[in-house]
């Protein structure tokens, strides 16, 4: 059974930083694509950043240059370093694993990030 466990959310002032972590179990993590999504109140869930097995990365335009996604295959972990945070970054952040074999998506439980102005 695939499980994703996020940590690292919290409350931070505008301009501050946070680092989210997501530990994946039950999957051949190194072969699959990891990503972060977020959902603000009243809005749809949106993709923030993704990193595939080869290390190719993509970002949403709204976070380019401020957020950095990375992965450590030895720890089955994907990270999201968030710098220069803005109030509009406030959302529940979800870790995602896309299994390239089964074409299934797996989700973590979500972690709240709140940026105060």
C-alpha atoms as a PDB file:
ATOM      1  CA  UNK A   1       0.000   0.000   0.000  1.00  0.00           C
ATOM      2  CA  UNK A   2       1.397   3.366  -1.029  1.00  0.00           C
ATOM      3  CA  UNK A   3       1.491   5.997   1.704  1.00  0.00           C
ATOM      4  CA  UNK A   4       2.660   9.609   1.648  1.00  0.00           C
ATOM      5  CA  UNK A   5       3.297  11.480   4.881  1.00  0.00           C
ATOM      6  CA  UNK A   6       3.890  15.236   4.768  1.00  0.00           C
ATOM      7  CA  UNK A   7       5.451  17.473   7.385  1.00  0.00           C
ATOM      8  CA  UNK A   8       6.800  20.985   7.726  1.00  0.00           C
ATOM      9  CA  UNK A   9       3.784  23.235   7.326  1.00  0.00           C
ATOM     10  CA  UNK A  10       3.001  26.089   9.692  1.00  0.00           C
ATOM     11  CA  UNK A  11       2.533  29.804  10.164  1.00  0.00           C
ATOM     12  CA  UNK A  12       5.115  32.225   8.825  1.00  0.00           C
ATOM     13  CA  UNK A  13       5.292  35.939   8.116  1.00  0.00           C
ATOM     14  CA  UNK A  14       5.459  37.270   4.586  1.00  0.00           C
ATOM     15  CA  UNK A  15       9.000  37.023   3.266  1.00  0.00           C
ATOM     16  CA  UNK A  16       9.751  34.022   5.431  1.00  0.00           C
ATOM     17  CA  UNK A  17      10.622  30.439   4.557  1.00  0.00           C
ATOM     18  CA  UNK A  18       9.345  26.942   5.155  1.00  0.00           C
ATOM     19  CA  UNK A  19      10.472  23.504   4.053  1.00  0.00           C
ATOM     20  CA  UNK A  20       7.945  20.764   3.378  1.00  0.00           C
ATOM     21  CA  UNK A  21       8.895  17.086   3.362  1.00  0.00           C
ATOM     22  CA  UNK A  22       7.021  14.073   2.058  1.00  0.00           C
ATOM     23  CA  UNK A  23       8.093  10.530   2.861  1.00  0.00           C
ATOM     24  CA  UNK A  24       6.809   7.856   0.485  1.00  0.00           C
ATOM     25  CA  UNK A  25       6.413   4.196   1.380  1.00  0.00           C
ATOM     26  CA  UNK A  26       5.090   1.185  -0.505  1.00  0.00           C
ATOM     27  CA  UNK A  27       6.307   2.401  -3.888  1.00  0.00           C
ATOM     28  CA  UNK A  28       9.417   2.206  -6.047  1.00  0.00           C
ATOM     29  CA  UNK A  29       9.891   5.871  -5.364  1.00  0.00           C
ATOM     30  CA  UNK A  30      12.971   6.406  -7.543  1.00  0.00           C
ATOM     31  CA  UNK A  31      11.081   5.389 -10.702  1.00  0.00           C
ATOM     32  CA  UNK A  32       8.112   7.691 -10.193  1.00  0.00           C
ATOM     33  CA  UNK A  33       7.245  11.375 -10.390  1.00  0.00           C
ATOM     34  CA  UNK A  34       6.884  13.369  -7.200  1.00  0.00           C
ATOM     35  CA  UNK A  35       5.052  16.639  -6.899  1.00  0.00           C
ATOM     36  CA  UNK A  36       3.406  19.255  -4.718  1.00  0.00           C
ATOM     37  CA  UNK A  37      -0.065  20.698  -5.166  1.00  0.00           C
ATOM     38  CA  UNK A  38      -1.953  23.259  -3.139  1.00  0.00           C
ATOM     39  CA  UNK A  39      -5.540  24.228  -2.500  1.00  0.00           C
ATOM     40  CA  UNK A  40      -6.590  27.577  -1.088  1.00  0.00           C
ATOM     41  CA  UNK A  41     -10.044  28.127   0.435  1.00  0.00           C
ATOM     42  CA  UNK A  42     -12.675  28.376  -2.282  1.00  0.00           C
ATOM     43  CA  UNK A  43     -10.242  27.476  -5.037  1.00  0.00           C
ATOM     44  CA  UNK A  44      -9.389  24.379  -7.013  1.00  0.00           C
ATOM     45  CA  UNK A  45      -6.312  22.320  -6.273  1.00  0.00           C
ATOM     46  CA  UNK A  46      -3.405  23.458  -8.429  1.00  0.00           C
ATOM     47  CA  UNK A  47      -0.018  22.051  -9.312  1.00  0.00           C
ATOM     48  CA  UNK A  48       2.925  23.834  -7.703  1.00  0.00           C
ATOM     49  CA  UNK A  49       5.984  21.803  -8.717  1.00  0.00           C
ATOM     50  CA  UNK A  50       6.917  18.394 -10.097  1.00  0.00           C
ATOM     51  CA  UNK A  51      10.105  16.354 -10.401  1.00  0.00           C
ATOM     52  CA  UNK A  52      10.383  13.158 -12.385  1.00  0.00           C
ATOM     53  CA  UNK A  53      12.710  10.179 -12.009  1.00  0.00           C
ATOM     54  CA  UNK A  54      15.373  11.830 -14.177  1.00  0.00           C
ATOM     55  CA  UNK A  55      15.291  14.998 -12.106  1.00  0.00           C
ATOM     56  CA  UNK A  56      13.435  17.073 -14.672  1.00  0.00           C
ATOM     57  CA  UNK A  57      11.536  19.835 -12.846  1.00  0.00           C
ATOM     58  CA  UNK A  58       8.604  22.070 -13.652  1.00  0.00           C
ATOM     59  CA  UNK A  59       7.050  24.896 -11.647  1.00  0.00           C
ATOM     60  CA  UNK A  60       3.872  26.917 -11.724  1.00  0.00           C
ATOM     61  CA  UNK A  61       4.558  30.441 -12.962  1.00  0.00           C
ATOM     62  CA  UNK A  62       3.348  31.891  -9.671  1.00  0.00           C
ATOM     63  CA  UNK A  63       6.097  30.185  -7.647  1.00  0.00           C
ATOM     64  CA  UNK A  64       8.996  30.226 -10.126  1.00  0.00           C
ATOM     65  CA  UNK A  65      12.147  31.533  -8.452  1.00  0.00           C
ATOM     66  CA  UNK A  66      10.746  31.283  -4.917  1.00  0.00           C
ATOM     67  CA  UNK A  67       9.972  27.592  -4.424  1.00  0.00           C
ATOM     68  CA  UNK A  68      12.367  24.731  -5.064  1.00  0.00           C
ATOM     69  CA  UNK A  69      11.435  21.062  -5.378  1.00  0.00           C
ATOM     70  CA  UNK A  70      13.976  18.293  -4.820  1.00  0.00           C
ATOM     71  CA  UNK A  71      14.082  14.597  -4.091  1.00  0.00           C
ATOM     72  CA  UNK A  72      16.292  12.189  -2.176  1.00  0.00           C
ATOM     73  CA  UNK A  73      15.744   8.695  -3.532  1.00  0.00           C
ATOM     74  CA  UNK A  74      17.831   7.154  -0.741  1.00  0.00           C
ATOM     75  CA  UNK A  75      15.253   8.482   1.739  1.00  0.00           C
ATOM     76  CA  UNK A  76      12.151   8.067  -0.440  1.00  0.00           C
ATOM     77  CA  UNK A  77      11.492  11.741   0.188  1.00  0.00           C
ATOM     78  CA  UNK A  78      10.461  14.742  -1.880  1.00  0.00           C
ATOM     79  CA  UNK A  79      10.978  18.270  -0.543  1.00  0.00           C
ATOM     80  CA  UNK A  80       9.589  21.716  -1.238  1.00  0.00           C
ATOM     81  CA  UNK A  81      11.750  24.622  -0.086  1.00  0.00           C
ATOM     82  CA  UNK A  82       9.618  27.749   0.037  1.00  0.00           C
ATOM     83  CA  UNK A  83      11.306  31.145   0.238  1.00  0.00           C
ATOM     84  CA  UNK A  84      10.013  34.705  -0.020  1.00  0.00           C
ATOM     85  CA  UNK A  85       6.566  33.505   0.932  1.00  0.00           C
ATOM     86  CA  UNK A  86       3.556  35.676   0.178  1.00  0.00           C
ATOM     87  CA  UNK A  87       0.072  35.745   1.742  1.00  0.00           C
ATOM     88  CA  UNK A  88      -1.281  34.327  -1.520  1.00  0.00           C
ATOM     89  CA  UNK A  89       0.791  31.183  -0.899  1.00  0.00           C
ATOM     90  CA  UNK A  90      -1.548  30.339   1.981  1.00  0.00           C
ATOM     91  CA  UNK A  91      -3.117  26.948   1.271  1.00  0.00           C
ATOM     92  CA  UNK A  92      -3.164  23.296   2.171  1.00  0.00           C
ATOM     93  CA  UNK A  93      -0.195  21.706   0.433  1.00  0.00           C
ATOM     94  CA  UNK A  94      -0.498  18.120  -0.801  1.00  0.00           C
ATOM     95  CA  UNK A  95       2.266  15.751  -1.756  1.00  0.00           C
ATOM     96  CA  UNK A  96       1.618  13.703  -4.897  1.00  0.00           C
ATOM     97  CA  UNK A  97       3.179  10.561  -6.340  1.00  0.00           C
ATOM     98  CA  UNK A  98       2.435   9.605  -9.933  1.00  0.00           C
ATOM     99  CA  UNK A  99       3.159   5.930 -10.507  1.00  0.00           C
ATOM    100  CA  UNK A 100       4.398   5.683 -14.104  1.00  0.00           C
ATOM    101  CA  UNK A 101       3.707   1.940 -14.175  1.00  0.00           C
ATOM    102  CA  UNK A 102       0.082   1.889 -13.043  1.00  0.00           C
ATOM    103  CA  UNK A 103      -0.672   5.507 -14.084  1.00  0.00           C
ATOM    104  CA  UNK A 104      -2.195   6.082 -10.660  1.00  0.00           C
ATOM    105  CA  UNK A 105      -1.955   9.160  -8.484  1.00  0.00           C
ATOM    106  CA  UNK A 106      -1.381   8.924  -4.770  1.00  0.00           C
ATOM    107  CA  UNK A 107      -1.869  11.761  -2.268  1.00  0.00           C
ATOM    108  CA  UNK A 108      -0.733  12.728   1.174  1.00  0.00           C
ATOM    109  CA  UNK A 109      -3.078  14.033   3.827  1.00  0.00           C
ATOM    110  CA  UNK A 110      -2.080  17.652   3.308  1.00  0.00           C
ATOM    111  CA  UNK A 111      -0.257  20.186   5.450  1.00  0.00           C
ATOM    112  CA  UNK A 112      -1.419  23.733   6.149  1.00  0.00           C
ATOM    113  CA  UNK A 113       0.798  26.649   5.187  1.00  0.00           C
ATOM    114  CA  UNK A 114      -0.334  30.082   6.388  1.00  0.00           C
ATOM    115  CA  UNK A 115       1.524  33.242   5.432  1.00  0.00           C
ATOM    116  CA  UNK A 116       0.599  36.359   7.384  1.00  0.00           C
ATOM    117  CA  UNK A 117       1.003  39.848   5.993  1.00  0.00           C
END
